[in-house]
Amino acid sequence: MNRYKSYDDEGLSFSKKIFLLLFVALYPMFVSMYTMLPPLIGLVGYVLITNFDKNRLYAFSALFYLLNLDLNLTLPLFMSSMVIVLIYMFVYSPLKRLIRCRVCLLFALIAIIDFSYYITLFIYDFTFNSTTVLGDMLLIYYIVVDIFVGVLL
């Protein structure tokens, strides 16, 4: 019985776990209804990358958030997760050695995740001749708010 890890060891109280569950389940629905709410893909990607080995509850909730966001916004399924995993495999380690400041690393990772994801979406749209995302000023607003929220947290 000791080989199974309990999620009570993660250091989260019951109220924080409920808030995390509600945020992961409900925020993507609000993003799909209200376009001024940013999807926070970069911030969730940062949480996934930094907690991939340490805190499994945060990593699992980030993956579930991305899946929920893909389904609610009718985005290509698992594309956000795959972009973040590729950034974790090829970019995170050299960037972590290069940048020592935690806030600077956060800023750089969120910007890289956002730009990579939206470029991948544009390539997907061009390849399959579809329109999943529009390249307008709202996209820049999403990226700026994503970085701003990440730096504040």
Protein backbone atom coordinates (compact mmCIF):
# COMPACT_ATOMS: atom_id res chain seq x y z
CA MET A 1 0.00 0.00 0.00
CA ASN A 2 2.97 2.32 0.44
CA ARG A 3 3.81 2.31 -3.26
CA TYR A 4 0.69 4.30 -4.13
CA LYS A 5 1.16 8.01 -3.69
CA SER A 6 -1.56 9.85 -1.87
CA TYR A 7 -2.60 13.23 -3.18
CA ASP A 8 -2.82 14.46 0.39
CA ASP A 9 0.99 14.61 0.33
CA GLU A 10 0.84 17.42 -2.22
CA GLY A 11 0.34 20.06 0.47
CA LEU A 12 -3.03 21.33 -0.73
CA SER A 13 -5.92 21.85 1.61
CA PHE A 14 -9.39 20.61 0.74
CA SER A 15 -10.60 24.09 -0.22
CA LYS A 16 -7.63 24.61 -2.57
CA LYS A 17 -8.31 21.27 -4.22
CA ILE A 18 -11.97 22.23 -4.74
CA PHE A 19 -10.93 25.61 -6.20
CA LEU A 20 -8.46 23.89 -8.53
CA LEU A 21 -11.11 21.42 -9.66
CA LEU A 22 -13.68 24.16 -10.28
CA PHE A 23 -11.17 26.31 -12.16
CA VAL A 24 -10.03 23.44 -14.38
CA ALA A 25 -13.60 22.34 -15.10
CA LEU A 26 -15.41 25.70 -15.46
CA TYR A 27 -12.93 28.28 -16.79
CA PRO A 28 -12.65 26.73 -20.29
CA MET A 29 -16.44 26.93 -20.59
CA PHE A 30 -16.36 30.62 -19.68
CA VAL A 31 -13.55 31.17 -22.20
CA SER A 32 -15.69 29.63 -24.93
CA MET A 33 -18.66 31.87 -24.03
CA TYR A 34 -16.85 35.16 -23.35
CA THR A 35 -14.14 36.01 -25.86
CA MET A 36 -12.46 38.63 -23.67
CA LEU A 37 -11.34 35.95 -21.20
CA PRO A 38 -7.89 34.70 -22.27
CA PRO A 39 -7.39 30.93 -22.56
CA LEU A 40 -4.16 31.10 -20.47
CA ILE A 41 -2.41 28.41 -22.50
CA GLY A 42 1.06 29.74 -21.72
CA LEU A 43 0.48 29.89 -17.98
CA VAL A 44 -0.98 26.40 -17.87
CA GLY A 45 1.92 25.18 -19.99
CA TYR A 46 4.36 26.72 -17.52
CA VAL A 47 2.55 24.99 -14.64
CA LEU A 48 2.70 21.70 -16.54
CA ILE A 49 6.40 22.04 -17.38
CA THR A 50 7.54 23.06 -13.91
CA ASN A 51 5.41 20.44 -12.11
CA PHE A 52 5.96 17.58 -14.53
CA ASP A 53 8.26 15.72 -12.13
CA LYS A 54 7.46 17.30 -8.77
CA ASN A 55 3.73 17.74 -8.27
CA ARG A 56 1.61 15.25 -10.18
CA LEU A 57 -1.70 16.81 -9.14
CA TYR A 58 -0.83 20.13 -10.78
CA ALA A 59 0.51 18.40 -13.88
CA PHE A 60 -2.61 16.25 -14.24
CA SER A 61 -4.91 19.24 -13.68
CA ALA A 62 -2.97 21.23 -16.31
CA LEU A 63 -3.36 18.40 -18.84
CA PHE A 64 -7.06 18.12 -18.05
CA TYR A 65 -7.44 21.91 -18.42
CA LEU A 66 -5.78 21.83 -21.85
CA LEU A 67 -7.97 18.93 -22.97
CA ASN A 68 -11.08 20.71 -21.68
CA LEU A 69 -10.03 23.92 -23.45
CA ASP A 70 -9.43 22.07 -26.73
CA LEU A 71 -12.86 20.49 -26.53
CA ASN A 72 -14.72 23.67 -25.55
CA LEU A 73 -13.06 25.92 -28.14
CA THR A 74 -13.15 23.22 -30.87
CA LEU A 75 -9.39 23.38 -31.27
CA PRO A 76 -7.36 20.44 -32.60
CA LEU A 77 -7.35 17.78 -29.92
CA PHE A 78 -4.10 17.43 -27.92
CA MET A 79 -2.25 20.00 -30.03
CA SER A 80 -1.65 22.28 -27.05
CA SER A 81 -0.41 19.37 -24.96
CA MET A 82 1.92 18.19 -27.70
CA VAL A 83 3.39 21.67 -28.23
CA ILE A 84 4.03 22.00 -24.50
CA VAL A 85 5.62 18.54 -24.29
CA LEU A 86 7.89 19.38 -27.23
CA ILE A 87 8.90 22.63 -25.55
CA TYR A 88 9.60 20.70 -22.35
CA MET A 89 11.77 18.20 -24.20
CA PHE A 90 13.78 20.56 -26.41
CA VAL A 91 13.62 24.10 -25.01
CA TYR A 92 13.11 23.98 -21.23
CA SER A 93 16.45 22.47 -20.16
CA PRO A 94 18.71 24.80 -22.17
CA LEU A 95 16.54 27.78 -21.27
CA LYS A 96 16.65 26.86 -17.57
CA ARG A 97 20.45 26.75 -17.70
CA LEU A 98 20.59 30.02 -19.60
CA ILE A 99 18.14 32.05 -17.48
CA ARG A 100 18.66 32.04 -13.72
CA CYS A 101 15.93 34.53 -12.76
CA ARG A 102 12.65 32.73 -12.00
CA VAL A 103 10.43 35.56 -13.25
CA CYS A 104 12.49 35.92 -16.42
CA LEU A 105 12.22 32.17 -17.04
CA LEU A 106 8.46 32.39 -16.50
CA PHE A 107 8.18 35.30 -18.93
CA ALA A 108 10.29 33.55 -21.57
CA LEU A 109 8.50 30.21 -21.25
CA ILE A 110 5.02 31.70 -21.41
CA ALA A 111 5.97 33.75 -24.48
CA ILE A 112 7.57 30.74 -26.20
CA ILE A 113 4.59 28.50 -25.41
CA ASP A 114 2.05 31.05 -26.64
CA PHE A 115 3.88 31.92 -29.85
CA SER A 116 4.65 28.28 -30.64
CA TYR A 117 1.07 27.21 -30.06
CA TYR A 118 -0.45 29.98 -32.17
CA ILE A 119 2.07 29.43 -34.97
CA THR A 120 1.22 25.72 -34.88
CA LEU A 121 -2.47 26.61 -35.10
CA PHE A 122 -1.82 28.84 -38.11
CA ILE A 123 0.13 26.02 -39.78
CA TYR A 124 -2.75 23.65 -38.99
CA ASP A 125 -5.25 26.10 -40.51
CA PHE A 126 -3.14 26.49 -43.63
CA THR A 127 -2.58 22.74 -44.01
CA PHE A 128 -6.19 21.67 -43.59
CA ASN A 129 -7.75 24.84 -45.05
CA SER A 130 -9.79 25.59 -41.93
CA THR A 131 -10.23 28.52 -39.56
CA THR A 132 -9.73 27.57 -35.94
CA VAL A 133 -8.23 30.88 -34.84
CA LEU A 134 -8.23 34.37 -36.29
CA GLY A 135 -5.01 36.37 -36.35
CA ASP A 136 -6.23 39.69 -34.98
CA MET A 137 -5.45 41.98 -32.06
CA LEU A 138 -7.37 39.71 -29.70
CA LEU A 139 -4.55 37.17 -30.03
CA ILE A 140 -2.00 39.75 -28.87
CA TYR A 141 -4.33 40.62 -26.00
CA TYR A 142 -4.43 36.94 -25.00
CA ILE A 143 -0.63 36.71 -24.99
CA VAL A 144 -0.15 39.95 -23.03
CA VAL A 145 -2.75 39.01 -20.40
CA ASP A 146 -1.28 35.51 -20.17
CA ILE A 147 2.20 36.91 -19.48
CA PHE A 148 0.85 39.55 -17.08
CA VAL A 149 -1.13 37.01 -15.02
CA GLY A 150 1.86 34.67 -14.96
CA VAL A 151 4.20 37.38 -13.68
CA LEU A 152 1.69 38.44 -11.02
CA LEU A 153 1.30 34.90 -9.72
